[in-house]
N, C-alpha and C. Protein backbone atom coordinates (compact mmCIF):
# COMPACT_ATOMS: atom_id res chain seq x y z
N MET A 1 87.17 92.23 131.73
CA MET A 1 87.06 93.63 132.03
C MET A 1 86.82 93.78 133.53
N SER A 2 87.52 94.71 134.15
CA SER A 2 87.34 94.93 135.59
C SER A 2 85.98 95.56 135.87
N ASP A 3 85.54 95.48 137.13
CA ASP A 3 84.27 96.10 137.52
C ASP A 3 84.28 97.59 137.23
N ALA A 4 85.38 98.26 137.53
CA ALA A 4 85.48 99.71 137.30
C ALA A 4 85.39 100.02 135.81
N ALA A 5 86.08 99.24 134.99
CA ALA A 5 86.04 99.46 133.54
C ALA A 5 84.64 99.21 133.00
N ALA A 6 83.96 98.20 133.52
CA ALA A 6 82.59 97.90 133.08
C ALA A 6 81.66 99.04 133.44
N LEU A 7 81.83 99.62 134.64
CA LEU A 7 80.99 100.75 135.05
C LEU A 7 81.22 101.97 134.16
N VAL A 8 82.47 102.25 133.84
CA VAL A 8 82.79 103.38 132.97
C VAL A 8 82.20 103.14 131.58
N SER A 9 82.34 101.95 131.06
CA SER A 9 81.80 101.62 129.75
C SER A 9 80.28 101.80 129.73
N SER A 10 79.63 101.30 130.76
CA SER A 10 78.18 101.42 130.86
C SER A 10 77.76 102.88 130.97
N ALA A 11 78.47 103.66 131.77
CA ALA A 11 78.14 105.07 131.94
C ALA A 11 78.28 105.82 130.62
N LYS A 12 79.33 105.53 129.85
CA LYS A 12 79.52 106.19 128.56
C LYS A 12 78.38 105.84 127.61
N LYS A 13 77.96 104.57 127.62
CA LYS A 13 76.86 104.14 126.76
C LYS A 13 75.59 104.90 127.12
N TRP A 14 75.23 104.91 128.41
CA TRP A 14 73.99 105.56 128.82
C TRP A 14 74.06 107.07 128.63
N ALA A 15 75.23 107.67 128.76
CA ALA A 15 75.35 109.12 128.58
C ALA A 15 74.91 109.54 127.18
N THR A 16 75.14 108.69 126.19
CA THR A 16 74.74 109.03 124.82
C THR A 16 73.23 109.11 124.68
N TYR A 17 72.46 108.47 125.56
CA TYR A 17 71.01 108.50 125.46
C TYR A 17 70.41 109.85 125.85
N TYR A 18 71.19 110.70 126.50
CA TYR A 18 70.66 111.99 126.92
C TYR A 18 70.59 112.98 125.76
N GLY A 19 71.36 112.74 124.69
CA GLY A 19 71.31 113.60 123.51
C GLY A 19 71.42 115.06 123.88
N GLU A 20 70.54 115.87 123.33
CA GLU A 20 70.56 117.31 123.58
C GLU A 20 70.05 117.68 124.98
N HIS A 21 69.57 116.70 125.73
CA HIS A 21 69.00 116.96 127.06
C HIS A 21 69.99 116.61 128.18
N ALA A 22 71.27 116.69 127.90
CA ALA A 22 72.28 116.17 128.83
C ALA A 22 72.42 116.98 130.12
N ASN A 23 72.16 118.25 130.08
CA ASN A 23 72.41 119.09 131.25
C ASN A 23 71.13 119.72 131.77
N GLY A 24 71.14 120.07 133.02
CA GLY A 24 70.04 120.82 133.60
C GLY A 24 68.81 119.99 133.87
N ARG A 25 67.69 120.68 134.02
CA ARG A 25 66.46 120.04 134.43
C ARG A 25 65.96 119.05 133.37
N ALA A 26 66.10 119.36 132.09
CA ALA A 26 65.64 118.43 131.05
C ALA A 26 66.35 117.08 131.18
N GLY A 27 67.64 117.10 131.44
CA GLY A 27 68.37 115.86 131.65
C GLY A 27 67.89 115.11 132.87
N ALA A 28 67.53 115.86 133.93
CA ALA A 28 67.00 115.23 135.13
C ALA A 28 65.65 114.58 134.85
N VAL A 29 64.79 115.29 134.12
CA VAL A 29 63.48 114.74 133.74
C VAL A 29 63.67 113.46 132.93
N LEU A 30 64.62 113.49 132.01
CA LEU A 30 64.85 112.35 131.12
C LEU A 30 65.28 111.09 131.87
N THR A 31 65.79 111.23 133.08
CA THR A 31 66.20 110.04 133.82
C THR A 31 65.02 109.09 134.06
N ALA A 32 63.80 109.61 134.19
CA ALA A 32 62.65 108.73 134.44
C ALA A 32 62.39 107.81 133.24
N PRO A 33 62.21 108.35 132.01
CA PRO A 33 62.05 107.44 130.87
C PRO A 33 63.25 106.51 130.66
N LEU A 34 64.46 107.00 130.93
CA LEU A 34 65.63 106.14 130.75
C LEU A 34 65.64 104.98 131.74
N ARG A 35 65.20 105.23 132.97
CA ARG A 35 65.14 104.14 133.95
C ARG A 35 64.03 103.15 133.60
N VAL A 36 62.92 103.64 133.05
CA VAL A 36 61.88 102.73 132.56
C VAL A 36 62.45 101.87 131.45
N ARG A 37 63.16 102.50 130.54
CA ARG A 37 63.77 101.76 129.42
C ARG A 37 64.75 100.70 129.92
N ALA A 38 65.58 101.05 130.89
CA ALA A 38 66.55 100.09 131.43
C ALA A 38 65.84 98.91 132.08
N ALA A 39 64.76 99.18 132.81
CA ALA A 39 64.00 98.10 133.44
C ALA A 39 63.35 97.22 132.38
N TRP A 40 62.81 97.83 131.33
CA TRP A 40 62.20 97.05 130.25
C TRP A 40 63.25 96.13 129.63
N ASP A 41 64.40 96.70 129.33
CA ASP A 41 65.44 95.94 128.63
C ASP A 41 65.93 94.74 129.43
N THR A 42 65.76 94.75 130.73
CA THR A 42 66.15 93.61 131.55
C THR A 42 64.94 92.77 131.95
N GLY A 43 63.76 93.14 131.47
CA GLY A 43 62.55 92.38 131.78
C GLY A 43 62.15 92.47 133.24
N ASP A 44 62.46 93.58 133.88
CA ASP A 44 62.21 93.74 135.32
C ASP A 44 60.93 94.54 135.55
N ALA A 45 59.80 93.84 135.61
CA ALA A 45 58.50 94.49 135.78
C ALA A 45 58.41 95.24 137.10
N GLU A 46 59.02 94.71 138.13
CA GLU A 46 58.98 95.37 139.44
C GLU A 46 59.69 96.72 139.40
N ALA A 47 60.89 96.75 138.84
CA ALA A 47 61.65 98.00 138.75
C ALA A 47 60.96 99.00 137.82
N LEU A 48 60.39 98.50 136.74
CA LEU A 48 59.69 99.38 135.81
C LEU A 48 58.48 100.00 136.50
N ALA A 49 57.66 99.21 137.15
CA ALA A 49 56.48 99.72 137.83
C ALA A 49 56.86 100.69 138.95
N ALA A 50 57.99 100.46 139.59
CA ALA A 50 58.43 101.33 140.68
C ALA A 50 58.76 102.73 140.20
N MET A 51 58.97 102.91 138.92
CA MET A 51 59.23 104.24 138.36
C MET A 51 57.96 105.08 138.26
N PHE A 52 56.81 104.45 138.41
CA PHE A 52 55.53 105.16 138.32
C PHE A 52 55.06 105.59 139.71
N VAL A 53 54.32 106.70 139.76
CA VAL A 53 53.66 107.07 141.00
C VAL A 53 52.58 106.02 141.28
N ASP A 54 52.09 105.97 142.52
CA ASP A 54 51.12 104.93 142.90
C ASP A 54 49.94 104.81 141.93
N ASN A 55 49.36 105.93 141.55
CA ASN A 55 48.21 105.90 140.65
C ASN A 55 48.62 106.23 139.22
N GLY A 56 49.87 105.91 138.87
CA GLY A 56 50.37 106.17 137.53
C GLY A 56 49.62 105.36 136.48
N SER A 57 49.68 105.84 135.25
CA SER A 57 48.98 105.13 134.17
C SER A 57 49.92 104.85 133.01
N MET A 58 49.61 103.76 132.33
CA MET A 58 50.40 103.34 131.17
C MET A 58 49.44 102.86 130.11
N LEU A 59 49.50 103.49 128.94
CA LEU A 59 48.72 103.04 127.79
C LEU A 59 49.71 102.36 126.85
N LEU A 60 49.60 101.06 126.75
CA LEU A 60 50.51 100.25 125.95
C LEU A 60 49.66 99.44 124.99
N GLY A 61 49.76 99.77 123.70
CA GLY A 61 48.85 99.15 122.73
C GLY A 61 47.43 99.55 123.07
N ASP A 62 46.57 98.58 123.25
CA ASP A 62 45.18 98.84 123.61
C ASP A 62 44.92 98.67 125.10
N ARG A 63 45.96 98.47 125.89
CA ARG A 63 45.81 98.26 127.34
C ARG A 63 46.04 99.55 128.10
N GLN A 64 45.03 99.96 128.86
CA GLN A 64 45.16 101.11 129.75
C GLN A 64 45.33 100.59 131.17
N LEU A 65 46.50 100.76 131.72
CA LEU A 65 46.81 100.31 133.07
C LEU A 65 46.79 101.54 133.97
N THR A 66 46.12 101.45 135.12
CA THR A 66 45.85 102.66 135.89
C THR A 66 46.40 102.65 137.31
N SER A 67 47.39 101.83 137.57
CA SER A 67 48.06 101.87 138.87
C SER A 67 49.41 101.18 138.74
N ARG A 68 50.26 101.46 139.69
CA ARG A 68 51.57 100.80 139.72
C ARG A 68 51.40 99.29 139.79
N ASP A 69 50.44 98.81 140.59
CA ASP A 69 50.20 97.37 140.72
C ASP A 69 49.76 96.76 139.39
N GLU A 70 48.83 97.41 138.68
CA GLU A 70 48.39 96.90 137.37
C GLU A 70 49.54 96.85 136.38
N ILE A 71 50.37 97.89 136.39
CA ILE A 71 51.52 97.94 135.48
C ILE A 71 52.46 96.77 135.78
N ARG A 72 52.79 96.59 137.05
CA ARG A 72 53.68 95.48 137.45
C ARG A 72 53.09 94.13 137.05
N ASP A 73 51.82 93.90 137.38
CA ASP A 73 51.20 92.60 137.09
C ASP A 73 51.14 92.32 135.59
N TYR A 74 50.74 93.32 134.81
CA TYR A 74 50.66 93.15 133.36
C TYR A 74 52.04 92.85 132.77
N LEU A 75 53.03 93.63 133.17
CA LEU A 75 54.36 93.45 132.59
C LEU A 75 55.06 92.19 133.09
N THR A 76 54.75 91.76 134.29
CA THR A 76 55.30 90.48 134.77
C THR A 76 54.86 89.38 133.82
N GLU A 77 53.59 89.38 133.46
CA GLU A 77 53.07 88.38 132.52
C GLU A 77 53.64 88.60 131.12
N ALA A 78 53.68 89.85 130.67
CA ALA A 78 54.16 90.15 129.32
C ALA A 78 55.64 89.79 129.15
N PHE A 79 56.47 90.08 130.19
CA PHE A 79 57.89 89.76 130.10
C PHE A 79 58.15 88.25 130.16
N ALA A 80 57.18 87.50 130.63
CA ALA A 80 57.29 86.04 130.61
C ALA A 80 56.73 85.47 129.31
N GLY A 81 56.03 86.31 128.54
CA GLY A 81 55.38 85.86 127.32
C GLY A 81 55.85 86.65 126.10
N ASP A 82 54.93 87.41 125.50
CA ASP A 82 55.19 88.12 124.24
C ASP A 82 56.37 89.08 124.27
N TYR A 83 56.62 89.72 125.41
CA TYR A 83 57.70 90.70 125.50
C TYR A 83 59.00 90.12 126.07
N ARG A 84 59.06 88.81 126.24
CA ARG A 84 60.29 88.19 126.77
C ARG A 84 61.47 88.54 125.87
N GLY A 85 62.51 89.10 126.49
CA GLY A 85 63.73 89.42 125.76
C GLY A 85 63.64 90.64 124.85
N SER A 86 62.52 91.35 124.87
CA SER A 86 62.38 92.53 124.02
C SER A 86 63.13 93.71 124.62
N ARG A 87 63.33 94.72 123.79
CA ARG A 87 63.98 95.95 124.23
C ARG A 87 63.10 97.13 123.82
N LEU A 88 63.17 98.17 124.61
CA LEU A 88 62.47 99.41 124.29
C LEU A 88 63.50 100.39 123.75
N VAL A 89 63.30 100.87 122.54
CA VAL A 89 64.19 101.89 121.98
C VAL A 89 63.36 103.15 121.81
N GLU A 90 63.96 104.28 122.13
CA GLU A 90 63.21 105.52 122.06
C GLU A 90 64.15 106.70 122.03
N ASP A 91 63.75 107.70 121.27
CA ASP A 91 64.46 108.97 121.22
C ASP A 91 63.49 110.03 121.71
N ILE A 92 63.79 110.61 122.87
CA ILE A 92 62.96 111.69 123.39
C ILE A 92 63.28 112.94 122.57
N ARG A 93 62.28 113.43 121.85
CA ARG A 93 62.47 114.56 120.93
C ARG A 93 62.30 115.91 121.62
N ASP A 94 61.42 115.95 122.63
CA ASP A 94 61.10 117.23 123.23
C ASP A 94 60.77 117.04 124.70
N ILE A 95 61.26 117.93 125.52
CA ILE A 95 60.90 117.96 126.94
C ILE A 95 60.43 119.37 127.25
N THR A 96 59.21 119.47 127.76
CA THR A 96 58.64 120.76 128.13
C THR A 96 58.35 120.75 129.62
N GLU A 97 58.95 121.68 130.31
CA GLU A 97 58.69 121.80 131.74
C GLU A 97 57.41 122.61 131.92
N LEU A 98 56.40 122.01 132.54
CA LEU A 98 55.13 122.68 132.76
C LEU A 98 55.12 123.44 134.08
N SER A 99 55.90 122.98 135.03
CA SER A 99 56.10 123.66 136.31
C SER A 99 57.41 123.13 136.88
N GLY A 100 57.75 123.53 138.08
CA GLY A 100 58.98 123.05 138.69
C GLY A 100 58.94 121.57 139.05
N THR A 101 57.73 120.98 139.03
CA THR A 101 57.59 119.57 139.42
C THR A 101 56.85 118.72 138.40
N VAL A 102 56.52 119.29 137.24
CA VAL A 102 55.80 118.53 136.20
C VAL A 102 56.42 118.84 134.84
N ALA A 103 56.67 117.79 134.07
CA ALA A 103 57.22 117.96 132.73
C ALA A 103 56.56 116.97 131.77
N LEU A 104 56.56 117.34 130.51
CA LEU A 104 56.01 116.51 129.45
C LEU A 104 57.15 116.18 128.49
N ALA A 105 57.31 114.90 128.20
CA ALA A 105 58.34 114.46 127.24
C ALA A 105 57.65 113.72 126.10
N VAL A 106 58.07 114.02 124.88
CA VAL A 106 57.50 113.40 123.69
C VAL A 106 58.63 112.67 122.96
N GLY A 107 58.36 111.43 122.58
CA GLY A 107 59.40 110.64 121.93
C GLY A 107 58.89 109.81 120.78
N GLU A 108 59.83 109.16 120.12
CA GLU A 108 59.55 108.21 119.05
C GLU A 108 60.42 106.99 119.29
N GLY A 109 59.87 105.83 119.06
CA GLY A 109 60.63 104.62 119.27
C GLY A 109 59.89 103.39 118.83
N ALA A 110 60.20 102.27 119.48
CA ALA A 110 59.57 101.00 119.14
C ALA A 110 59.97 99.97 120.19
N ILE A 111 59.25 98.87 120.17
CA ILE A 111 59.61 97.71 120.96
C ILE A 111 60.30 96.75 120.01
N VAL A 112 61.54 96.40 120.33
CA VAL A 112 62.33 95.50 119.48
C VAL A 112 62.18 94.09 120.04
N PRO A 113 61.64 93.17 119.24
CA PRO A 113 61.47 91.79 119.73
C PRO A 113 62.81 91.11 120.03
N ALA A 114 62.76 90.12 120.88
CA ALA A 114 63.94 89.33 121.20
C ALA A 114 64.57 88.78 119.93
N GLY A 115 65.89 88.78 119.90
CA GLY A 115 66.60 88.20 118.78
C GLY A 115 66.75 89.11 117.58
N ARG A 116 66.20 90.31 117.64
CA ARG A 116 66.32 91.25 116.53
C ARG A 116 67.17 92.44 116.95
N ASP A 117 67.86 93.02 115.98
CA ASP A 117 68.65 94.22 116.23
C ASP A 117 67.83 95.49 116.02
N GLU A 118 66.83 95.39 115.17
CA GLU A 118 66.00 96.55 114.82
C GLU A 118 64.54 96.20 115.02
N PRO A 119 63.68 97.22 115.16
CA PRO A 119 62.25 96.94 115.27
C PRO A 119 61.69 96.32 113.99
N GLU A 120 60.58 95.64 114.12
CA GLU A 120 59.88 95.12 112.94
C GLU A 120 59.40 96.30 112.10
N PRO A 121 59.31 96.15 110.77
CA PRO A 121 58.73 97.22 109.95
C PRO A 121 57.30 97.52 110.43
N GLY A 122 56.99 98.79 110.51
CA GLY A 122 55.66 99.19 110.94
C GLY A 122 55.45 99.19 112.44
N ALA A 123 56.52 99.00 113.24
CA ALA A 123 56.39 98.92 114.70
C ALA A 123 56.65 100.26 115.39
N ALA A 124 56.83 101.33 114.63
CA ALA A 124 57.17 102.62 115.22
C ALA A 124 56.06 103.12 116.14
N LEU A 125 56.48 103.74 117.24
CA LEU A 125 55.56 104.29 118.23
C LEU A 125 55.89 105.76 118.47
N ARG A 126 54.85 106.52 118.78
CA ARG A 126 55.04 107.85 119.35
C ARG A 126 54.68 107.72 120.81
N THR A 127 55.43 108.39 121.65
CA THR A 127 55.18 108.28 123.09
C THR A 127 55.03 109.66 123.72
N MET A 128 54.27 109.66 124.79
CA MET A 128 54.13 110.87 125.59
C MET A 128 54.26 110.48 127.06
N TRP A 129 55.12 111.17 127.74
CA TRP A 129 55.40 110.93 129.15
C TRP A 129 55.01 112.15 129.96
N VAL A 130 54.28 111.95 131.04
CA VAL A 130 54.07 113.00 132.03
C VAL A 130 54.93 112.58 133.22
N VAL A 131 55.90 113.42 133.55
CA VAL A 131 56.88 113.10 134.57
C VAL A 131 56.73 114.12 135.70
N VAL A 132 56.70 113.62 136.93
CA VAL A 132 56.50 114.49 138.09
C VAL A 132 57.63 114.30 139.09
N LYS A 133 57.95 115.37 139.78
CA LYS A 133 59.00 115.29 140.80
C LYS A 133 58.34 115.03 142.14
N ARG A 134 58.72 113.91 142.75
CA ARG A 134 58.19 113.51 144.05
C ARG A 134 59.35 113.17 144.97
N ASP A 135 59.38 113.78 146.12
CA ASP A 135 60.42 113.52 147.11
C ASP A 135 61.82 113.66 146.51
N GLY A 136 61.99 114.66 145.64
CA GLY A 136 63.29 114.94 145.06
C GLY A 136 63.69 114.09 143.87
N ASP A 137 62.81 113.20 143.41
CA ASP A 137 63.13 112.31 142.29
C ASP A 137 62.05 112.41 141.22
N TRP A 138 62.43 112.28 139.99
CA TRP A 138 61.47 112.33 138.88
C TRP A 138 60.88 110.94 138.67
N ARG A 139 59.55 110.88 138.64
CA ARG A 139 58.78 109.64 138.47
C ARG A 139 57.78 109.83 137.35
N VAL A 140 57.28 108.72 136.82
CA VAL A 140 56.32 108.76 135.72
C VAL A 140 54.91 108.78 136.28
N ALA A 141 54.13 109.78 135.88
CA ALA A 141 52.70 109.81 136.22
C ALA A 141 51.90 109.12 135.12
N SER A 142 52.35 109.30 133.86
CA SER A 142 51.64 108.67 132.74
C SER A 142 52.59 108.46 131.57
N TRP A 143 52.45 107.30 130.95
CA TRP A 143 53.18 107.01 129.72
C TRP A 143 52.16 106.45 128.72
N GLN A 144 52.10 107.10 127.58
CA GLN A 144 51.20 106.63 126.53
C GLN A 144 52.02 106.35 125.28
N SER A 145 51.69 105.26 124.63
CA SER A 145 52.33 104.96 123.35
C SER A 145 51.23 104.76 122.31
N SER A 146 51.54 105.16 121.11
CA SER A 146 50.57 105.05 120.05
C SER A 146 51.30 104.71 118.75
N PRO A 147 50.78 103.76 117.97
CA PRO A 147 51.49 103.39 116.74
C PRO A 147 51.52 104.53 115.73
N VAL A 148 52.63 104.61 115.01
CA VAL A 148 52.75 105.56 113.91
C VAL A 148 52.18 104.86 112.69
N THR A 149 51.14 105.43 112.12
CA THR A 149 50.47 104.75 111.01
C THR A 149 50.54 105.51 109.70
N GLY A 150 51.44 106.42 109.57
CA GLY A 150 51.48 107.11 108.29
C GLY A 150 52.65 107.99 108.16
C-alpha cells in the first residue's frame, strides 16, 4: 500500500471514532481523548503525558497522578510492564461545553490486554475527561476512570 493510501485508510478509520461528535466544537474537544487513546495504543507514555496540561491529573485504577511528569513516569513503567501492548477502547457518550475553553466528556470503555481482541469480562470503565483549550489546542486537565461494577 502506498503512503498516500495508508494515510487515507488511517484517516477513514479514525474518522469513525468521532461518532455523533464529528463536527463543530464537540469534535474539536474529542480530539484530546482520541490523541490520548492513540498514544496509549502505541505505548507512547511521552506523547500521552504531553496531552495533559502541566498540572493535569489522571486517576487510573487506584493511582492518582497529579502532574504531566507523574503521568509520563507511571505510564513509562506501566507500558513496559502490565500495560505492554494493551489498547484503550472508549466511546465518548456525552460532551458538555462548560465555557468556550472548558468541556466535560463522559465515556465508557476498557483497557484491552495485549493479545486480546476484546476487553476481559468485568473490565468495563466509565471515564470523565475535563478538557481545556490552551494556546488554540484542546488538552486534558483531568481524566478519571472508574470500574463499572453493576
